[in-house]
C-alpha atoms as a PDB file:
ATOM      1  CA  MET A   1      12.878  21.116 -24.512  1.00  0.00           C
ATOM      2  CA  GLU A   2      12.144  24.058 -22.204  1.00  0.00           C
ATOM      3  CA  ASP A   3       8.421  23.800 -23.027  1.00  0.00           C
ATOM      4  CA  ILE A   4       8.430  20.097 -22.094  1.00  0.00           C
ATOM      5  CA  PHE A   5      10.268  20.843 -18.830  1.00  0.00           C
ATOM      6  CA  PHE A   6       7.796  23.626 -17.976  1.00  0.00           C
ATOM      7  CA  GLN A   7       4.839  21.365 -18.759  1.00  0.00           C
ATOM      8  CA  GLU A   8       6.184  18.590 -16.508  1.00  0.00           C
ATOM      9  CA  SER A   9       6.881  21.067 -13.683  1.00  0.00           C
ATOM     10  CA  SER A  10       3.378  22.520 -13.930  1.00  0.00           C
ATOM     11  CA  LEU A  11       1.868  19.024 -13.758  1.00  0.00           C
ATOM     12  CA  VAL A  12       3.880  18.298 -10.616  1.00  0.00           C
ATOM     13  CA  THR A  13       2.593  21.553  -9.114  1.00  0.00           C
ATOM     14  CA  GLU A  14      -0.973  20.618 -10.075  1.00  0.00           C
ATOM     15  CA  LEU A  15      -0.510  17.172  -8.522  1.00  0.00           C
ATOM     16  CA  ASN A  16       0.902  18.665  -5.329  1.00  0.00           C
ATOM     17  CA  ARG A  17      -2.111  20.967  -4.983  1.00  0.00           C
ATOM     18  CA  LYS A  18      -4.476  18.059  -5.523  1.00  0.00           C
ATOM     19  CA  LEU A  19      -2.665  16.046  -2.854  1.00  0.00           C
ATOM     20  CA  GLN A  20      -2.974  18.951  -0.422  1.00  0.00           C
ATOM     21  CA  ASP A  21      -6.716  18.951  -1.076  1.00  0.00           C
ATOM     22  CA  ILE A  22      -6.855  15.216  -0.343  1.00  0.00           C
ATOM     23  CA  ARG A  23      -4.914  15.692   2.884  1.00  0.00           C
ATOM     24  CA  ALA A  24      -7.407  18.363   3.943  1.00  0.00           C
ATOM     25  CA  GLU A  25     -10.378  16.073   3.237  1.00  0.00           C
ATOM     26  CA  ILE A  26      -8.833  13.163   5.142  1.00  0.00           C
ATOM     27  CA  ALA A  27      -8.050  15.472   8.080  1.00  0.00           C
ATOM     28  CA  LYS A  28     -11.788  16.130   8.428  1.00  0.00           C
ATOM     29  CA  VAL A  29     -12.203  12.514   9.545  1.00  0.00           C
ATOM     30  CA  ILE A  30      -8.829  11.180  10.684  1.00  0.00           C
ATOM     31  CA  VAL A  31      -7.012  13.178  13.336  1.00  0.00           C
ATOM     32  CA  GLY A  32      -3.210  13.134  13.125  1.00  0.00           C
ATOM     33  CA  GLN A  33      -1.566  10.121  11.418  1.00  0.00           C
ATOM     34  CA  GLU A  34       0.107  12.392   8.844  1.00  0.00           C
ATOM     35  CA  GLN A  35       2.735   9.800   7.965  1.00  0.00           C
ATOM     36  CA  VAL A  36       0.060   7.147   7.430  1.00  0.00           C
ATOM     37  CA  VAL A  37      -1.862   9.481   5.115  1.00  0.00           C
ATOM     38  CA  ASP A  38       1.278  10.274   3.103  1.00  0.00           C
ATOM     39  CA  LEU A  39       2.066   6.568   2.723  1.00  0.00           C
ATOM     40  CA  LEU A  40      -1.489   5.876   1.547  1.00  0.00           C
ATOM     41  CA  LEU A  41      -1.177   8.617  -1.064  1.00  0.00           C
ATOM     42  CA  THR A  42       2.261   7.358  -2.087  1.00  0.00           C
ATOM     43  CA  GLY A  43       0.839   3.874  -2.565  1.00  0.00           C
ATOM     44  CA  LEU A  44      -1.958   5.303  -4.702  1.00  0.00           C
ATOM     45  CA  LEU A  45       0.506   7.171  -6.927  1.00  0.00           C
ATOM     46  CA  CYS A  46       2.744   4.091  -7.240  1.00  0.00           C
ATOM     47  CA  ASP A  47      -0.090   1.677  -8.067  1.00  0.00           C
ATOM     48  CA  GLY A  48       0.981  -0.330  -5.030  1.00  0.00           C
ATOM     49  CA  HIS A  49      -0.819  -2.572  -2.543  1.00  0.00           C
ATOM     50  CA  LEU A  50      -0.583  -1.669   1.130  1.00  0.00           C
ATOM     51  CA  LEU A  51      -0.493  -3.718   4.336  1.00  0.00           C
ATOM     52  CA  LEU A  52      -1.836  -1.816   7.355  1.00  0.00           C
ATOM     53  CA  GLU A  53      -0.776  -3.185  10.716  1.00  0.00           C
ATOM     54  CA  GLY A  54      -2.038  -1.992  14.077  1.00  0.00           C
ATOM     55  CA  VAL A  55      -4.071  -2.936  17.105  1.00  0.00           C
ATOM     56  CA  PRO A  56      -7.884  -2.926  16.743  1.00  0.00           C
ATOM     57  CA  GLY A  57      -9.567   0.460  16.800  1.00  0.00           C
ATOM     58  CA  VAL A  58      -6.867   2.721  15.315  1.00  0.00           C
ATOM     59  CA  ALA A  59      -8.829   3.543  12.106  1.00  0.00           C
ATOM     60  CA  LYS A  60      -7.269   1.028   9.704  1.00  0.00           C
ATOM     61  CA  THR A  61     -10.611   0.209   8.094  1.00  0.00           C
ATOM     62  CA  LEU A  62     -11.791   3.814   8.247  1.00  0.00           C
ATOM     63  CA  ALA A  63      -8.659   5.034   6.440  1.00  0.00           C
ATOM     64  CA  SER A  64      -9.205   2.476   3.663  1.00  0.00           C
ATOM     65  CA  LYS A  65     -12.846   3.443   3.170  1.00  0.00           C
ATOM     66  CA  LEU A  66     -11.933   7.107   3.236  1.00  0.00           C
ATOM     67  CA  LEU A  67      -9.374   6.665   0.454  1.00  0.00           C
ATOM     68  CA  ALA A  68     -11.999   5.007  -1.743  1.00  0.00           C
ATOM     69  CA  ARG A  69     -14.491   7.756  -0.914  1.00  0.00           C
ATOM     70  CA  ILE A  70     -12.112  10.542  -1.939  1.00  0.00           C
ATOM     71  CA  ILE A  71     -11.056   8.910  -5.219  1.00  0.00           C
ATOM     72  CA  ASP A  72     -14.662   8.282  -6.353  1.00  0.00           C
ATOM     73  CA  VAL A  73     -14.137   4.621  -7.280  1.00  0.00           C
ATOM     74  CA  ASN A  74     -15.745   1.338  -6.306  1.00  0.00           C
ATOM     75  CA  PHE A  75     -14.955  -0.189  -2.927  1.00  0.00           C
ATOM     76  CA  SER A  76     -15.388  -3.703  -1.573  1.00  0.00           C
ATOM     77  CA  ARG A  77     -14.478  -5.402   1.671  1.00  0.00           C
ATOM     78  CA  LEU A  78     -13.534  -9.007   2.410  1.00  0.00           C
ATOM     79  CA  GLN A  79     -13.384 -10.402   5.914  1.00  0.00           C
ATOM     80  CA  PHE A  80     -10.775 -13.158   5.829  1.00  0.00           C
ATOM     81  CA  THR A  81     -11.614 -16.182   7.983  1.00  0.00           C
ATOM     82  CA  PRO A  82     -10.078 -19.667   8.339  1.00  0.00           C
ATOM     83  CA  ASP A  83     -12.886 -21.282   6.288  1.00  0.00           C
ATOM     84  CA  LEU A  84     -12.747 -18.788   3.396  1.00  0.00           C
ATOM     85  CA  MET A  85     -12.091 -20.487   0.037  1.00  0.00           C
ATOM     86  CA  PRO A  86     -10.259 -19.053  -3.021  1.00  0.00           C
ATOM     87  CA  GLY A  87     -13.523 -19.024  -4.970  1.00  0.00           C
ATOM     88  CA  ASP A  88     -15.060 -16.796  -2.293  1.00  0.00           C
ATOM     89  CA  VAL A  89     -12.408 -14.209  -3.185  1.00  0.00           C
ATOM     90  CA  VAL A  90     -11.942 -14.288  -6.961  1.00  0.00           C
ATOM     91  CA  GLY A  91     -15.286 -15.763  -7.997  1.00  0.00           C
ATOM     92  CA  THR A  92     -16.415 -19.053  -9.480  1.00  0.00           C
ATOM     93  CA  SER A  93     -18.163 -20.627 -12.470  1.00  0.00           C
ATOM     94  CA  VAL A  94     -21.888 -21.138 -11.927  1.00  0.00           C
ATOM     95  CA  PHE A  95     -24.091 -23.459 -13.994  1.00  0.00           C
ATOM     96  CA  ASN A  96     -27.165 -21.957 -15.643  1.00  0.00           C
ATOM     97  CA  PRO A  97     -29.667 -24.841 -16.012  1.00  0.00           C
ATOM     98  CA  LYS A  98     -31.951 -22.898 -18.384  1.00  0.00           C
ATOM     99  CA  GLU A  99     -29.211 -22.287 -20.947  1.00  0.00           C
ATOM    100  CA  GLY A 100     -27.164 -25.356 -20.046  1.00  0.00           C
ATOM    101  CA  VAL A 101     -23.900 -23.371 -19.784  1.00  0.00           C
ATOM    102  CA  PHE A 102     -21.521 -22.156 -17.114  1.00  0.00           C
ATOM    103  CA  TYR A 103     -20.988 -18.445 -16.554  1.00  0.00           C
ATOM    104  CA  PHE A 104     -18.445 -16.664 -14.396  1.00  0.00           C
ATOM    105  CA  LYS A 105     -19.717 -14.946 -11.258  1.00  0.00           C
ATOM    106  CA  PRO A 106     -17.065 -12.399 -10.148  1.00  0.00           C
ATOM    107  CA  GLY A 107     -16.013 -12.370  -6.516  1.00  0.00           C
ATOM    108  CA  PRO A 108     -15.611  -9.295  -4.277  1.00  0.00           C
ATOM    109  CA  ILE A 109     -12.009  -8.868  -5.442  1.00  0.00           C
ATOM    110  CA  PHE A 110     -13.466  -7.281  -8.600  1.00  0.00           C
ATOM    111  CA  SER A 111     -13.451  -3.678  -7.428  1.00  0.00           C
ATOM    112  CA  ASN A 112     -11.135  -0.661  -7.500  1.00  0.00           C
ATOM    113  CA  ILE A 113     -10.107  -0.479  -3.858  1.00  0.00           C
ATOM    114  CA  VAL A 114     -10.394  -3.779  -2.024  1.00  0.00           C
ATOM    115  CA  LEU A 115     -10.095  -3.898   1.752  1.00  0.00           C
ATOM    116  CA  ILE A 116      -9.065  -7.294   3.093  1.00  0.00           C
ATOM    117  CA  ASP A 117      -9.706  -7.222   6.812  1.00  0.00           C
ATOM    118  CA  GLU A 118      -7.482  -9.432   8.975  1.00  0.00           C
ATOM    119  CA  ILE A 119      -5.668 -10.936   6.016  1.00  0.00           C
ATOM    120  CA  ASN A 120      -3.691 -13.291   8.254  1.00  0.00           C
ATOM    121  CA  ARG A 121      -6.868 -15.080   9.389  1.00  0.00           C
ATOM    122  CA  SER A 122      -6.965 -17.255   6.249  1.00  0.00           C
ATOM    123  CA  PRO A 123      -4.585 -20.127   5.399  1.00  0.00           C
ATOM    124  CA  ALA A 124      -2.099 -20.316   2.515  1.00  0.00           C
ATOM    125  CA  LYS A 125      -4.689 -21.889   0.190  1.00  0.00           C
ATOM    126  CA  THR A 126      -6.814 -18.744   0.320  1.00  0.00           C
ATOM    127  CA  GLN A 127      -3.763 -16.450   0.264  1.00  0.00           C
ATOM    128  CA  SER A 128      -2.699 -18.054  -3.024  1.00  0.00           C
ATOM    129  CA  ALA A 129      -5.844 -16.667  -4.651  1.00  0.00           C
ATOM    130  CA  LEU A 130      -4.332 -13.188  -4.271  1.00  0.00           C
ATOM    131  CA  PHE A 131      -0.958 -13.885  -5.914  1.00  0.00           C
ATOM    132  CA  GLU A 132      -2.012 -13.447  -9.534  1.00  0.00           C
ATOM    133  CA  VAL A 133      -4.461 -10.611  -9.009  1.00  0.00           C
ATOM    134  CA  MET A 134      -2.054  -8.515  -6.910  1.00  0.00           C
ATOM    135  CA  GLU A 135       0.819  -8.914  -9.367  1.00  0.00           C
ATOM    136  CA  GLU A 136      -0.906  -8.971 -12.756  1.00  0.00           C
ATOM    137  CA  ARG A 137      -4.260  -7.286 -12.053  1.00  0.00           C
ATOM    138  CA  GLN A 138      -6.144 -10.288 -13.405  1.00  0.00           C
ATOM    139  CA  VAL A 139      -7.564 -13.616 -12.263  1.00  0.00           C
ATOM    140  CA  THR A 140      -7.712 -16.899 -14.146  1.00  0.00           C
ATOM    141  CA  VAL A 141     -10.664 -19.194 -13.448  1.00  0.00           C
ATOM    142  CA  ASP A 142     -11.242 -22.414 -15.408  1.00  0.00           C
ATOM    143  CA  GLY A 143      -8.678 -21.360 -17.999  1.00  0.00           C
ATOM    144  CA  THR A 144     -10.272 -17.976 -18.684  1.00  0.00           C
ATOM    145  CA  THR A 145      -8.530 -14.744 -17.708  1.00  0.00           C
ATOM    146  CA  HIS A 146     -10.553 -11.847 -16.313  1.00  0.00           C
ATOM    147  CA  GLY A 147      -8.964  -8.394 -16.035  1.00  0.00           C
ATOM    148  CA  MET A 148      -9.515  -5.988 -13.161  1.00  0.00           C
ATOM    149  CA  GLN A 149     -10.968  -2.504 -13.316  1.00  0.00           C
ATOM    150  CA  TYR A 150      -8.596   0.473 -13.204  1.00  0.00           C
ATOM    151  CA  PRO A 151      -7.325   1.462 -10.695  1.00  0.00           C
ATOM    152  CA  PHE A 152      -6.927  -1.657  -8.575  1.00  0.00           C
ATOM    153  CA  ILE A 153      -5.413  -1.493  -5.084  1.00  0.00           C
ATOM    154  CA  VAL A 154      -5.507  -4.031  -2.265  1.00  0.00           C
ATOM    155  CA  LEU A 155      -5.469  -2.603   1.258  1.00  0.00           C
ATOM    156  CA  ALA A 156      -5.014  -5.366   3.824  1.00  0.00           C
ATOM    157  CA  THR A 157      -5.103  -5.102   7.613  1.00  0.00           C
ATOM    158  CA  GLN A 158      -3.677  -7.312  10.307  1.00  0.00           C
ATOM    159  CA  ASN A 159      -3.407  -7.219  14.092  1.00  0.00           C
ATOM    160  CA  PRO A 160       0.199  -7.605  15.343  1.00  0.00           C
ATOM    161  CA  ILE A 161      -0.840  -8.580  18.880  1.00  0.00           C
ATOM    162  CA  GLU A 162      -3.432 -11.349  18.640  1.00  0.00           C
ATOM    163  CA  GLN A 163      -1.830 -14.403  17.013  1.00  0.00           C
ATOM    164  CA  GLU A 164      -4.289 -17.135  17.988  1.00  0.00           C
ATOM    165  CA  GLY A 165      -6.078 -18.477  14.917  1.00  0.00           C
ATOM    166  CA  THR A 166      -3.820 -16.593  12.490  1.00  0.00           C
ATOM    167  CA  TYR A 167      -1.418 -17.706   9.775  1.00  0.00           C
ATOM    168  CA  ARG A 168       1.923 -16.219   8.850  1.00  0.00           C
ATOM    169  CA  LEU A 169       1.694 -14.528   5.453  1.00  0.00           C
ATOM    170  CA  PRO A 170       3.818 -16.268   2.798  1.00  0.00           C
ATOM    171  CA  GLU A 171       6.964 -14.376   1.808  1.00  0.00           C
ATOM    172  CA  ALA A 172       5.719 -14.241  -1.792  1.00  0.00           C
ATOM    173  CA  GLN A 173       2.581 -12.526  -0.509  1.00  0.00           C
ATOM    174  CA  LEU A 174       4.458  -9.999   1.629  1.00  0.00           C
ATOM    175  CA  ASP A 175       6.687  -9.127  -1.320  1.00  0.00           C
ATOM    176  CA  ARG A 176       3.633  -8.018  -3.286  1.00  0.00           C
ATOM    177  CA  PHE A 177       2.844  -5.260  -0.797  1.00  0.00           C
ATOM    178  CA  LEU A 178       4.535  -1.954  -1.557  1.00  0.00           C
ATOM    179  CA  PHE A 179       4.566  -0.901   2.117  1.00  0.00           C
ATOM    180  CA  LYS A 180       3.707  -2.247   5.504  1.00  0.00           C
ATOM    181  CA  ILE A 181       2.241   0.743   7.325  1.00  0.00           C
ATOM    182  CA  ASN A 182       2.321   0.611  11.108  1.00  0.00           C
ATOM    183  CA  ILE A 183      -0.571   2.570  12.618  1.00  0.00           C
ATOM    184  CA  GLY A 184      -0.004   3.516  16.252  1.00  0.00           C
ATOM    185  CA  TYR A 185      -2.071   5.101  18.978  1.00  0.00           C
ATOM    186  CA  PRO A 186      -2.972   8.818  18.803  1.00  0.00           C
ATOM    187  CA  THR A 187      -1.480  11.298  21.239  1.00  0.00           C
ATOM    188  CA  LEU A 188      -3.525  12.515  24.218  1.00  0.00           C
ATOM    189  CA  ALA A 189      -4.419  15.765  22.451  1.00  0.00           C
ATOM    190  CA  GLU A 190      -5.396  13.895  19.285  1.00  0.00           C
ATOM    191  CA  GLU A 191      -7.562  11.469  21.259  1.00  0.00           C
ATOM    192  CA  VAL A 192      -9.424  14.343  22.928  1.00  0.00           C
ATOM    193  CA  LEU A 193     -10.049  15.879  19.496  1.00  0.00           C
ATOM    194  CA  ILE A 194     -11.274  12.546  18.121  1.00  0.00           C
ATOM    195  CA  LEU A 195     -13.765  12.189  20.980  1.00  0.00           C
ATOM    196  CA  THR A 196     -14.943  15.771  20.506  1.00  0.00           C
ATOM    197  CA  GLN A 197     -15.432  15.507  16.733  1.00  0.00           C
ATOM    198  CA  GLN A 198     -16.841  11.998  16.466  1.00  0.00           C
ATOM    199  CA  GLN A 199     -19.221  11.778  19.411  1.00  0.00           C
ATOM    200  CA  GLY A 200     -22.673  10.674  18.321  1.00  0.00           C
ATOM    201  CA  LYS A 201     -21.611   9.951  14.724  1.00  0.00           C
ATOM    202  CA  THR A 202     -21.590   6.634  12.899  1.00  0.00           C
ATOM    203  CA  GLN A 203     -18.759   5.638  10.562  1.00  0.00           C
ATOM    204  CA  ASN A 204     -20.966   6.271   7.516  1.00  0.00           C
ATOM    205  CA  GLN A 205     -21.749   9.777   8.764  1.00  0.00           C
ATOM    206  CA  LEU A 206     -18.036  10.443   9.182  1.00  0.00           C
ATOM    207  CA  LEU A 207     -17.303   9.283   5.639  1.00  0.00           C
ATOM    208  CA  GLN A 208     -19.978  11.577   4.189  1.00  0.00           C
ATOM    209  CA  VAL A 209     -18.009  14.583   5.446  1.00  0.00           C
ATOM    210  CA  ALA A 210     -15.198  13.937   2.967  1.00  0.00           C
ATOM    211  CA  ASN A 211     -15.648  15.230  -0.584  1.00  0.00           C
ATOM    212  CA  LYS A 212     -14.610  13.415  -3.743  1.00  0.00           C
ATOM    213  CA  ILE A 213     -11.352  14.839  -5.111  1.00  0.00           C
ATOM    214  CA  LEU A 214      -9.988  12.449  -7.746  1.00  0.00           C
ATOM    215  CA  THR A 215     -11.437  10.403 -10.589  1.00  0.00           C
ATOM    216  CA  ALA A 216     -10.002   7.198 -12.031  1.00  0.00           C
ATOM    217  CA  SER A 217      -8.770   9.079 -15.112  1.00  0.00           C
ATOM    218  CA  GLU A 218      -6.988  11.645 -12.941  1.00  0.00           C
ATOM    219  CA  VAL A 219      -5.292   8.841 -11.013  1.00  0.00           C
ATOM    220  CA  ALA A 220      -3.935   7.518 -14.318  1.00  0.00           C
ATOM    221  CA  LYS A 221      -2.708  10.984 -15.328  1.00  0.00           C
ATOM    222  CA  TYR A 222      -0.948  11.665 -12.035  1.00  0.00           C
ATOM    223  CA  ARG A 223       0.650   8.228 -11.965  1.00  0.00           C
ATOM    224  CA  GLU A 224       2.230   9.081 -15.317  1.00  0.00           C
ATOM    225  CA  VAL A 225       3.464  12.360 -13.840  1.00  0.00           C
ATOM    226  CA  VAL A 226       5.138  10.444 -11.010  1.00  0.00           C
ATOM    227  CA  GLN A 227       6.765   8.020 -13.440  1.00  0.00           C
ATOM    228  CA  ASN A 228       8.350  10.980 -15.253  1.00  0.00           C
ATOM    229  CA  ILE A 229       9.902  12.468 -12.092  1.00  0.00           C
ATOM    230  CA  ASN A 230      13.647  12.898 -12.681  1.00  0.00           C
ATOM    231  CA  ILE A 231      16.173  10.772 -10.820  1.00  0.00           C
ATOM    232  CA  ASP A 232      19.948  10.919 -11.186  1.00  0.00           C
ATOM    233  CA  ALA A 233      21.877   7.789 -12.171  1.00  0.00           C
ATOM    234  CA  LYS A 234      23.855   8.023  -8.917  1.00  0.00           C
ATOM    235  CA  LEU A 235      20.613   7.786  -6.933  1.00  0.00           C
ATOM    236  CA  ILE A 236      19.522   4.729  -8.900  1.00  0.00           C
ATOM    237  CA  GLU A 237      22.830   3.114  -7.956  1.00  0.00           C
ATOM    238  CA  TYR A 238      22.222   4.225  -4.356  1.00  0.00           C
ATOM    239  CA  ILE A 239      18.904   2.338  -4.310  1.00  0.00           C
ATOM    240  CA  ALA A 240      20.515  -0.772  -5.773  1.00  0.00           C
ATOM    241  CA  THR A 241      23.314  -0.617  -3.192  1.00  0.00           C
ATOM    242  CA  ILE A 242      20.861  -0.443  -0.280  1.00  0.00           C
ATOM    243  CA  VAL A 243      18.918  -3.467  -1.514  1.00  0.00           C
ATOM    244  CA  HIS A 244      22.108  -5.395  -2.346  1.00  0.00           C
ATOM    245  CA  GLU A 245      23.341  -4.861   1.221  1.00  0.00           C
ATOM    246  CA  THR A 246      20.283  -6.679   2.567  1.00  0.00           C
ATOM    247  CA  ARG A 247      21.294  -9.753   0.565  1.00  0.00           C
ATOM    248  CA  SER A 248      24.838  -9.893   1.907  1.00  0.00           C
ATOM    249  CA  ASN A 249      24.146  -8.879   5.506  1.00  0.00           C
ATOM    250  CA  SER A 250      25.092 -11.622   7.960  1.00  0.00           C
ATOM    251  CA  SER A 251      22.175 -10.715  10.251  1.00  0.00           C
ATOM    252  CA  LEU A 252      19.611 -11.528   7.583  1.00  0.00           C
ATOM    253  CA  TYR A 253      18.338 -14.931   6.524  1.00  0.00           C
ATOM    254  CA  LEU A 254      16.410 -13.412   3.603  1.00  0.00           C
ATOM    255  CA  GLY A 255      17.271 -10.228   1.730  1.00  0.00           C
ATOM    256  CA  ALA A 256      15.070  -8.003  -0.414  1.00  0.00           C
ATOM    257  CA  SER A 257      14.115  -8.801  -4.010  1.00  0.00           C
ATOM    258  CA  THR A 258      14.424  -6.763  -7.185  1.00  0.00           C
ATOM    259  CA  ARG A 259      10.751  -5.907  -6.716  1.00  0.00           C
ATOM    260  CA  ALA A 260      11.865  -4.054  -3.580  1.00  0.00           C
ATOM    261  CA  SER A 261      14.365  -1.993  -5.610  1.00  0.00           C
ATOM    262  CA  LEU A 262      11.626  -0.979  -8.026  1.00  0.00           C
ATOM    263  CA  ALA A 263       9.316  -0.175  -5.109  1.00  0.00           C
ATOM    264  CA  ILE A 264      11.890   2.176  -3.557  1.00  0.00           C
ATOM    265  CA  LEU A 265      12.401   3.864  -6.929  1.00  0.00           C
ATOM    266  CA  LYS A 266       8.672   4.390  -7.501  1.00  0.00           C
ATOM    267  CA  SER A 267       7.934   5.525  -3.949  1.00  0.00           C
ATOM    268  CA  ALA A 268      10.897   7.944  -3.931  1.00  0.00           C
ATOM    269  CA  LYS A 269       9.495   9.579  -7.065  1.00  0.00           C
ATOM    270  CA  ALA A 270       6.049   9.804  -5.462  1.00  0.00           C
ATOM    271  CA  THR A 271       7.577  11.342  -2.323  1.00  0.00           C
ATOM    272  CA  ALA A 272       9.251  13.985  -4.473  1.00  0.00           C
ATOM    273  CA  ALA A 273       5.868  14.795  -6.031  1.00  0.00           C
ATOM    274  CA  LEU A 274       4.270  14.974  -2.568  1.00  0.00           C
ATOM    275  CA  SER A 275       6.922  17.564  -1.708  1.00  0.00           C
ATOM    276  CA  GLY A 276       6.234  19.559  -4.902  1.00  0.00           C
ATOM    277  CA  ARG A 277       9.503  18.598  -6.625  1.00  0.00           C
ATOM    278  CA  ASP A 278      10.022  17.110 -10.089  1.00  0.00           C
ATOM    279  CA  PHE A 279      13.277  15.433  -9.064  1.00  0.00           C
ATOM    280  CA  VAL A 280      14.340  12.885  -6.444  1.00  0.00           C
ATOM    281  CA  ILE A 281      16.806  13.690  -3.655  1.00  0.00           C
ATOM    282  CA  PRO A 282      18.628  11.170  -1.395  1.00  0.00           C
ATOM    283  CA  GLU A 283      16.323  11.985   1.513  1.00  0.00           C
ATOM    284  CA  ASP A 284      13.340  10.676  -0.501  1.00  0.00           C
ATOM    285  CA  ILE A 285      15.069   7.310  -0.815  1.00  0.00           C
ATOM    286  CA  GLN A 286      16.072   7.218   2.845  1.00  0.00           C
ATOM    287  CA  LYS A 287      12.519   8.060   3.863  1.00  0.00           C
ATOM    288  CA  MET A 288      10.902   5.319   1.766  1.00  0.00           C
ATOM    289  CA  ALA A 289      13.439   2.495   2.046  1.00  0.00           C
ATOM    290  CA  PRO A 290      12.445   1.349   5.580  1.00  0.00           C
ATOM    291  CA  HIS A 291       8.748   1.150   4.671  1.00  0.00           C
ATOM    292  CA  VAL A 292       9.566  -0.884   1.567  1.00  0.00           C
ATOM    293  CA  LEU A 293      12.158  -3.206   3.094  1.00  0.00           C
ATOM    294  CA  CYS A 294      11.181  -4.037   6.676  1.00  0.00           C
ATOM    295  CA  HIS A 295       8.412  -6.520   5.820  1.00  0.00           C
ATOM    296  CA  ARG A 296      10.407  -8.137   2.987  1.00  0.00           C
ATOM    297  CA  ILE A 297      13.527  -9.146   4.882  1.00  0.00           C
ATOM    298  CA  MET A 298      13.922 -11.896   7.479  1.00  0.00           C
ATOM    299  CA  LEU A 299      16.317 -11.914  10.420  1.00  0.00           C
ATOM    300  CA  THR A 300      18.409 -14.942  11.304  1.00  0.00           C
ATOM    301  CA  PRO A 301      17.120 -16.876  14.348  1.00  0.00           C
ATOM    302  CA  GLU A 302      20.133 -15.686  16.374  1.00  0.00           C
ATOM    303  CA  LYS A 303      19.361 -12.014  15.733  1.00  0.00           C
ATOM    304  CA  GLU A 304      15.675 -12.522  16.524  1.00  0.00           C
ATOM    305  CA  MET A 305      16.663 -14.003  19.886  1.00  0.00           C
ATOM    306  CA  GLU A 306      18.832 -10.952  20.527  1.00  0.00           C
ATOM    307  CA  GLY A 307      15.755  -8.751  20.102  1.00  0.00           C
ATOM    308  CA  ILE A 308      17.011  -6.885  17.037  1.00  0.00           C
ATOM    309  CA  SER A 309      14.265  -5.506  14.811  1.00  0.00           C
ATOM    310  CA  THR A 310      14.224  -5.241  11.028  1.00  0.00           C
ATOM    311  CA  ASP A 311      13.661  -1.482  11.410  1.00  0.00           C
ATOM    312  CA  ASP A 312      16.929  -1.089  13.319  1.00  0.00           C
ATOM    313  CA  LEU A 313      18.794  -3.234  10.806  1.00  0.00           C
ATOM    314  CA  VAL A 314      17.528  -1.290   7.781  1.00  0.00           C
ATOM    315  CA  ASP A 315      18.482   1.979   9.500  1.00  0.00           C
ATOM    316  CA  ASN A 316      21.988   0.625  10.119  1.00  0.00           C
ATOM    317  CA  ILE A 317      22.327  -0.430   6.484  1.00  0.00           C
ATOM    318  CA  ILE A 318      21.252   3.004   5.236  1.00  0.00           C
ATOM    319  CA  GLN A 319      23.556   4.808   7.665  1.00  0.00           C
ATOM    320  CA  GLY A 320      26.489   2.679   6.531  1.00  0.00           C
ATOM    321  CA  ILE A 321      26.189   3.656   2.844  1.00  0.00           C
ATOM    322  CA  GLU A 322      27.690   6.881   1.566  1.00  0.00           C
ATOM    323  CA  ILE A 323      25.066   9.331   0.324  1.00  0.00           C
ATOM    324  CA  PRO A 324      25.638  10.374  -3.296  1.00  0.00           C
ATOM    325  CA  ARG A 325      25.808  14.101  -3.873  1.00  0.00           C
END
């Protein structure tokens, strides 16, 4: 038993060192945004899809490309537009006149890290093409199921300011994202450093600075390490209590699903690994819960008119629950 415990602890230490190396590589290109980087790494370790929200020009696309560059996996990008069709995303059957048969031509979704730029630019018909692939890592076309390569992560971006020509993401779609990551403006000092470091360089030149750190097989190994992080039964009940409170809160029209509970559990374990621990503490749960819950819950119309935000409400729910010790 002691040998198993030592082996697990050493793997957590190895993972933590690898994550520090990744942070250092990302810092060569992206200045600041430490929380964003940690959430990206947490999503990677949890096998979760991520929704990046921020105004244009705050490195949403750059961060996505950089993650793919560091992991040494395939990367593809889809620009969502109002006229985009489901077949343009997942692929379609094409007739071969020479052989007289149809064959499947995979769409750009068949990659390891898929960046969907401005995901809210396409209507519900196109959004529905993502439901199966984001949940089950497969697509079904003409009755035939096609599996995705490992690993498979969707990184989607949207602009919170410009709403003309956009569509509200379906709740079922939002629930499939592990986090919604809000990317803000850099500080004055960070902006000066960005201008100093990036002057005269193209985005491709910036990406070439970062070295490859992880392989697909290492991602699989470290995800298993995260799954084996220890968590006390009281903390599992703590997670369930937080999510249950969103369902009974009078300020909410829609509470969080069981998928949200599992997301908090997985992300809390990943946060522990990021901190070099092989066990979860209450602070890991408190840190991850807002990122998991805020895009999954819906305020009542009355509370929206009062100007209350989902962030404030989730904080109030967490503060109102006794922390297990």
